Protein backbone atom coordinates (compact mmCIF):
# COMPACT_ATOMS: atom_id res chain seq x y z
CA MET A 1 104.80 14.73 -8.53
CA LEU A 2 103.64 11.33 -9.29
CA PRO A 3 104.10 8.87 -12.22
CA VAL A 4 100.62 8.65 -12.59
CA SER A 5 98.08 11.38 -11.45
CA ALA A 6 94.44 12.95 -12.38
CA VAL A 7 94.51 15.99 -14.53
CA PRO A 8 93.27 19.06 -12.30
CA GLY A 9 89.78 19.81 -13.20
CA ALA A 10 89.30 16.57 -15.20
CA PRO A 11 89.57 13.74 -12.64
CA GLU A 12 88.33 11.28 -15.30
CA ARG A 13 91.70 11.90 -17.53
CA ARG A 14 95.11 10.64 -16.35
CA LEU A 15 98.39 12.46 -16.76
CA VAL A 16 101.53 9.97 -17.14
CA ARG A 17 104.96 10.49 -16.76
CA PRO A 18 106.70 7.55 -17.89
CA LEU A 19 110.53 9.13 -17.48
CA LEU A 20 109.75 10.51 -14.05
CA GLY A 21 112.40 8.16 -12.31
CA ALA A 22 114.67 8.16 -15.11
CA ALA A 23 118.17 10.15 -15.04
CA ARG A 24 119.45 12.53 -17.56
CA LYS A 25 122.07 9.98 -18.57
CA ASP A 26 119.45 7.41 -19.12
CA THR A 27 117.05 9.59 -21.06
CA GLY A 28 120.42 10.47 -23.15
CA ALA A 29 120.77 6.91 -23.77
CA ILE A 30 117.33 6.41 -24.80
CA CYS A 31 117.29 9.19 -27.15
CA ALA A 32 120.50 8.01 -28.73
CA GLU A 33 119.15 4.55 -29.32
CA PHE A 34 116.35 5.41 -30.94
CA GLY A 35 118.00 8.31 -33.07
CA ILE A 36 116.12 11.02 -31.48
CA THR A 37 118.12 14.57 -30.95
CA PRO A 38 116.69 16.05 -27.89
CA ILE A 39 115.91 19.59 -27.27
CA VAL A 40 117.73 21.52 -24.76
CA ASP A 41 116.08 24.39 -23.15
CA PRO A 42 118.72 27.29 -22.77
CA SER A 43 117.07 28.66 -19.76
CA ASN A 44 118.08 25.66 -17.85
CA ALA A 45 121.81 26.76 -17.95
CA ASP A 46 120.41 30.31 -16.64
CA LEU A 47 121.48 30.44 -12.66
CA SER A 48 119.14 33.32 -12.17
CA TYR A 49 116.31 30.76 -11.95
CA THR A 50 116.05 28.95 -8.53
CA ARG A 51 115.76 25.49 -9.80
CA ASN A 52 118.82 25.85 -11.69
CA ARG A 53 120.97 27.26 -8.76
CA VAL A 54 119.74 23.85 -6.90
CA ARG A 55 120.50 21.73 -9.77
CA GLY A 56 123.76 23.23 -10.79
CA THR A 57 125.05 24.41 -7.37
CA VAL A 58 123.38 23.15 -4.13
CA LEU A 59 123.07 19.44 -5.41
CA GLU A 60 126.82 19.16 -6.61
CA GLN A 61 127.28 20.64 -3.08
CA LEU A 62 125.59 17.90 -1.42
CA ARG A 63 126.71 15.17 -3.48
CA ALA A 64 130.32 16.27 -2.26
CA LEU A 65 129.11 15.83 1.43
CA ASN A 66 127.03 12.58 0.56
CA PRO A 67 127.74 10.55 -2.31
CA SER A 68 124.46 9.03 -2.08
CA VAL A 69 122.38 11.91 -1.81
CA ASP A 70 120.60 11.28 -4.73
CA ASP A 71 119.39 8.13 -3.56
CA ALA A 72 118.34 9.69 -0.37
CA LEU A 73 116.26 12.46 -1.85
CA ARG A 74 114.54 9.59 -4.22
CA GLY A 75 113.95 8.02 -0.72
CA LEU A 76 112.35 11.16 0.66
CA ALA A 77 110.20 11.43 -2.53
CA GLU A 78 108.85 7.91 -2.16
CA SER A 79 108.04 8.36 1.43
CA ALA A 80 106.36 11.73 0.56
CA ARG A 81 104.37 10.13 -2.29
CA GLU A 82 103.05 7.55 0.20
CA ALA A 83 101.82 10.31 2.68
CA PHE A 84 100.69 12.22 -0.39
CA SER A 85 98.56 9.19 -1.36
CA PHE A 86 96.71 9.22 2.23
CA ILE A 87 96.12 12.74 2.09
CA GLU A 88 94.82 12.46 -1.67
CA LYS A 89 92.46 10.01 -0.68
CA ARG A 90 90.75 12.00 2.39
CA SER A 91 90.39 14.80 0.09
CA PHE A 92 88.42 13.02 -2.71
CA GLU A 93 86.24 11.84 0.61
CA VAL A 94 84.84 15.21 0.51
CA GLN A 95 82.64 16.10 -2.43
CA PRO A 96 80.58 19.07 -3.26
CA ARG A 97 76.73 18.66 -2.91
CA GLU A 98 76.33 20.74 -5.78
CA ARG A 99 78.32 22.90 -8.19
CA GLY A 100 76.51 26.20 -9.31
CA PRO A 101 77.19 29.77 -10.43
CA VAL A 102 78.28 30.89 -7.01
CA GLY A 103 80.78 28.05 -6.54
CA ALA A 104 81.09 24.60 -5.06
CA ILE A 105 78.57 23.93 -1.94
CA PHE A 106 79.94 21.67 0.75
CA ALA A 107 78.46 20.19 4.16
CA LEU A 108 80.39 22.03 6.93
CA THR A 109 81.47 19.09 9.14
CA PRO A 110 83.17 16.77 6.94
CA PHE A 111 84.69 19.80 5.09
CA ARG A 112 85.90 20.75 8.58
CA ASP A 113 87.40 17.62 9.48
CA LEU A 114 89.57 17.20 6.50
CA PRO A 115 93.65 18.00 7.47
CA SER A 116 95.06 21.14 6.09
CA GLU A 117 97.09 19.39 3.23
CA ALA A 118 93.68 17.82 1.96
CA LEU A 119 91.89 20.91 2.40
CA THR A 120 94.66 22.47 -0.21
CA LEU A 121 93.91 19.71 -2.60
CA VAL A 122 90.23 20.63 -2.62
CA PHE A 123 91.05 23.97 -2.99
CA GLU A 124 93.29 23.39 -6.25
CA ARG A 125 90.42 20.84 -7.62
CA GLU A 126 87.54 23.21 -7.39
CA ALA A 127 89.38 26.38 -8.11
CA ALA A 128 90.51 24.58 -11.53
CA PHE A 129 86.99 23.72 -12.07
CA TYR A 130 86.03 27.54 -11.73
CA HIS A 131 89.44 28.75 -13.72
CA LEU A 132 90.49 30.30 -10.55
CA LYS A 133 94.11 30.69 -9.00
CA PRO A 134 93.95 30.53 -5.14
CA GLU A 135 96.65 31.93 -3.13
CA VAL A 136 96.91 29.52 -0.51
CA ASN A 137 99.33 29.95 2.45
CA ARG A 138 99.81 28.82 5.96
CA THR A 139 98.13 32.01 7.57
CA ARG A 140 95.04 31.63 5.37
CA VAL A 141 94.59 28.27 6.10
CA ALA A 142 94.89 28.59 9.55
CA ASN A 143 92.46 32.03 9.39
CA LEU A 144 90.01 29.47 7.51
CA ARG A 145 90.43 26.78 10.39
CA ALA A 146 88.94 29.61 12.77
CA VAL A 147 86.11 30.34 10.70
CA LEU A 148 85.21 26.50 10.01
CA THR A 149 85.19 26.16 13.94
CA SER A 150 83.18 29.22 14.58
CA GLY A 151 80.85 28.15 11.61
CA THR A 152 80.33 31.78 9.83
CA GLY A 153 82.64 33.76 8.35
CA ALA A 154 84.73 34.08 4.86
CA VAL A 155 88.72 33.88 4.04
CA HIS A 156 89.83 35.23 0.73
CA PHE A 157 92.49 33.09 -1.10
CA GLY A 158 93.38 35.71 -3.82
CA ASP A 159 90.23 35.18 -6.12
CA THR A 160 88.98 32.26 -4.58
CA VAL A 161 86.64 32.65 -1.54
CA VAL A 162 85.84 30.15 1.02
CA GLU A 163 82.45 31.11 2.97
CA VAL A 164 80.93 29.26 5.76
CA SER A 165 77.42 29.95 6.61
CA CYS A 166 74.28 27.89 8.04
CA GLY A 167 76.36 24.56 8.01
CA CYS A 168 77.54 24.84 4.31
CA VAL A 169 80.60 26.03 2.85
CA ARG A 170 80.88 27.71 -0.36
CA LEU A 171 84.19 27.69 -2.29
CA GLY A 172 84.26 29.52 -5.53
CA PRO A 173 84.86 33.15 -6.99
CA ARG A 174 84.29 36.41 -5.00
CA LEU A 175 80.70 37.46 -5.61
CA GLU A 176 79.77 41.08 -6.33
CA PRO A 177 77.27 43.05 -4.70
CA VAL A 178 73.65 42.82 -6.22
CA ASP A 179 72.92 46.13 -7.95
CA PRO A 180 69.26 47.20 -6.45
CA PHE A 181 66.54 47.78 -8.49
CA PRO A 182 63.66 50.39 -8.12
CA ALA A 183 60.38 49.02 -6.73
CA ALA A 184 57.97 48.15 -9.26
CA ILE A 185 53.83 48.19 -9.03
CA LEU A 186 52.86 44.82 -10.47
CA ASN A 187 49.95 44.44 -13.12
CA VAL A 188 47.47 42.26 -11.93
CA PRO A 189 46.98 40.14 -13.91
CA GLY A 190 49.63 40.81 -16.35
CA SER A 191 53.62 40.85 -16.96
CA THR A 192 55.73 43.56 -15.34
CA ARG A 193 59.63 44.28 -15.71
CA ALA A 194 61.41 45.05 -12.49
CA GLY A 195 64.94 45.55 -13.05
CA PRO A 196 66.67 42.15 -13.99
CA TRP A 197 63.40 40.23 -13.28
CA ARG A 198 60.08 39.65 -15.42
CA VAL A 199 57.01 39.42 -12.76
CA ASP A 200 53.91 37.37 -13.91
CA VAL A 201 50.75 37.80 -12.18
CA VAL A 202 48.00 35.11 -12.82
CA THR A 203 44.62 33.95 -11.39
CA SER A 204 45.13 30.18 -12.14
CA GLU A 205 47.94 28.01 -10.49
CA VAL A 206 51.08 28.04 -12.55
CA GLU A 207 54.20 25.40 -11.95
CA ALA A 208 57.16 26.54 -10.22
CA THR A 209 60.65 25.85 -11.71
CA ALA A 210 64.23 26.11 -10.55
CA GLU A 211 64.71 29.29 -12.80
CA SER A 212 61.25 30.58 -12.39
CA PRO A 213 59.82 30.37 -8.50
CA VAL A 214 56.23 31.01 -7.64
CA LEU A 215 54.68 32.42 -4.65
CA ALA A 216 50.66 32.01 -3.90
CA LEU A 217 48.76 34.95 -2.31
CA GLY A 218 45.28 34.36 -0.54
CA GLU A 219 42.20 36.14 -2.04
CA GLY A 220 42.47 39.65 -1.06
CA ALA A 221 45.54 39.37 0.66
CA ALA A 222 47.13 42.43 -0.90
CA LYS A 223 46.19 45.72 0.56
CA GLY A 224 47.11 48.42 -1.85
CA ALA A 225 49.11 48.03 -4.92
CA LEU A 226 51.03 44.69 -5.43
CA ARG A 227 54.78 45.31 -5.83
CA VAL A 228 58.35 43.62 -5.93
CA ARG A 229 61.52 45.41 -4.55
CA PRO A 230 64.88 44.31 -3.12
CA LEU A 231 64.70 43.00 0.38
CA GLN A 232 65.50 46.07 2.67
CA PRO A 233 67.31 46.04 6.45
CA GLY A 234 64.44 45.71 9.08
CA ASP A 235 61.84 44.23 6.71
CA ARG A 236 59.53 41.73 8.55
CA ILE A 237 57.27 39.03 7.72
CA ALA A 238 54.29 37.02 9.23
CA TRP A 239 55.62 33.57 9.84
CA HIS A 240 53.84 30.82 11.49
CA GLY A 241 51.63 32.96 13.64
CA VAL A 242 54.57 35.23 14.75
CA GLU A 243 55.92 38.53 12.93
CA ARG A 244 59.58 38.17 12.62
CA LYS A 245 62.36 40.05 11.13
CA VAL A 246 63.25 38.72 7.91
CA SER A 247 67.05 38.34 8.68
CA ASP A 248 66.19 36.07 11.76
CA LEU A 249 64.15 34.08 9.61
CA LEU A 250 66.65 33.37 7.04
CA VAL A 251 69.31 32.42 9.64
CA ASN A 252 66.81 30.16 11.48
CA GLU A 253 65.85 28.64 8.16
CA LYS A 254 69.45 28.15 7.52
CA VAL A 255 69.66 30.23 4.14
CA PRO A 256 73.33 30.75 3.42
CA ALA A 257 74.77 34.13 3.31
CA TRP A 258 75.60 33.95 -0.28
CA GLU A 259 71.70 33.31 -1.10
CA ARG A 260 70.36 36.06 1.06
CA LEU A 261 72.13 38.74 -1.37
CA GLY A 262 69.87 38.61 -4.08
CA MET A 263 66.69 37.87 -2.38
CA VAL A 264 63.50 39.60 -3.99
CA ALA A 265 60.66 40.61 -1.71
CA LEU A 266 56.97 40.71 -2.94
CA ALA A 267 54.78 43.32 -0.94
CA ASP A 268 51.77 45.46 -0.83
CA SER A 269 51.55 49.12 0.58
CA GLY A 270 52.52 48.17 3.95
CA ARG A 271 53.50 44.86 4.44
CA LEU A 272 55.79 41.84 3.35
CA LEU A 273 53.96 39.14 1.54
CA GLY A 274 56.55 36.70 0.55
CA LEU A 275 60.39 36.25 -0.44
CA PHE A 276 61.54 34.90 -3.35
CA GLY A 277 65.56 33.20 -2.97
CA ALA A 278 67.74 31.26 -5.14
CA THR A 279 66.86 27.91 -3.91
CA ARG A 280 63.45 28.52 -1.98
CA THR A 281 60.62 30.94 -1.61
CA PHE A 282 58.78 32.24 1.84
CA SER A 283 55.36 33.09 2.01
CA ALA A 284 53.71 35.04 4.68
CA ASP A 285 50.77 33.43 6.49
CA MET A 286 47.86 33.33 4.19
CA VAL A 287 44.05 33.79 4.90
CA GLY A 288 41.68 31.67 2.85
CA GLU A 289 42.50 29.98 -0.33
CA PRO A 290 45.17 31.14 -2.87
CA GLY A 291 43.98 33.55 -5.68
CA LEU A 292 47.02 34.81 -7.32
CA TRP A 293 50.18 33.36 -8.38
CA VAL A 294 53.29 35.51 -8.61
CA ARG A 295 56.30 34.13 -10.75
CA LEU A 296 59.76 35.48 -10.93
CA SER A 297 61.91 35.19 -14.14
CA ALA A 298 65.34 36.34 -14.92
CA ILE A 299 65.32 38.26 -18.01
CA PRO A 300 68.09 36.90 -20.36
CA LEU A 301 71.13 39.19 -20.74
CA PRO A 302 71.76 40.28 -24.24
CA ARG A 303 74.51 38.20 -26.22
CA GLY A 304 77.47 40.18 -27.42
C-alpha cells in the first residue's frame, strides 16, 4: 500500500492515504484534539478474521521477542515500496495497442519481457478497465510464461483470459463461440439479411468503414448464385496465384486466433471469393475490373 497511488482503472486519478504512517495512538490523539469521535468497527475485535489474529496475537508475540519489531516491519515495507516502484514503472512501459470489445491487445515481445510482478499489475489494470476479477497465482503465471515463450495458446485467470497469437497478446474476457448462421443467397443488386448481418450488393464503388467492410468482385467473377456463410473447415481461396487453405492464409497473414472466430465468407456456387474479418478483408484473385461491391454491416441488437 502506497501513500499516493493511481486509482485502478482510472490512472489519471490519485488515491491519497494521509494517515497511512500514523500509529493508532496518533490517530486517537488527532481525533481528540479536533473533537472528533472515531467510529470503531466491532469486527476488528473478532479473532475469527486472520487480520485480527495477526494484530492481536502474532504482533504481540513478536513484540515480546523483539520490542523493535514495529520499526523493522515499517523498514521492510519501505524496502518493498522501493522495489514496487521499479516494478510499477516496468508495468507502465507496456501499453496496449488498442482496447476493444475483445480486450486489450499488446505486442508480444515487450509483454513477454515483463517480470512476473509487473505482469500481475498489468492484469489488475486491464481487468479493472473491463470490470473483470482475475484469479492470479504462481501456477497460472508459470503457464502463461510457457505460452508467451511458445508464441501461441491461452491461459485462463478465472474470468480473465490471456491469449497469444500471431505476435499479439489479448488480455480480456472469455469469448463465447460465434453462433453459426445459415448461408444466405444475396440479392444482386440489393440488400439481404444473413444471420446478424446485412449484406448490400451494389454496382458502383462504396467506401468501406471500420464497422462495414467492403469486398470488390470482378465483372462476371461469380459462377452461380452469390452468397455469404460462416467460414468452414477446409475452405480454400485463390490468393496471389496459388490456391491456399484459408487456415494457412490467416496464419501467414498474422490474423490472431480471436479474429478468426467470426469471419464471414463470400462465395459463389463452388468457390470462395472473399473473407470479411474484424480488422481486414481478403479478396480472391480478381480477373478484370471490379463490377460489384459487397458491404457487410452488423444489424444493431434491439434495445431492452
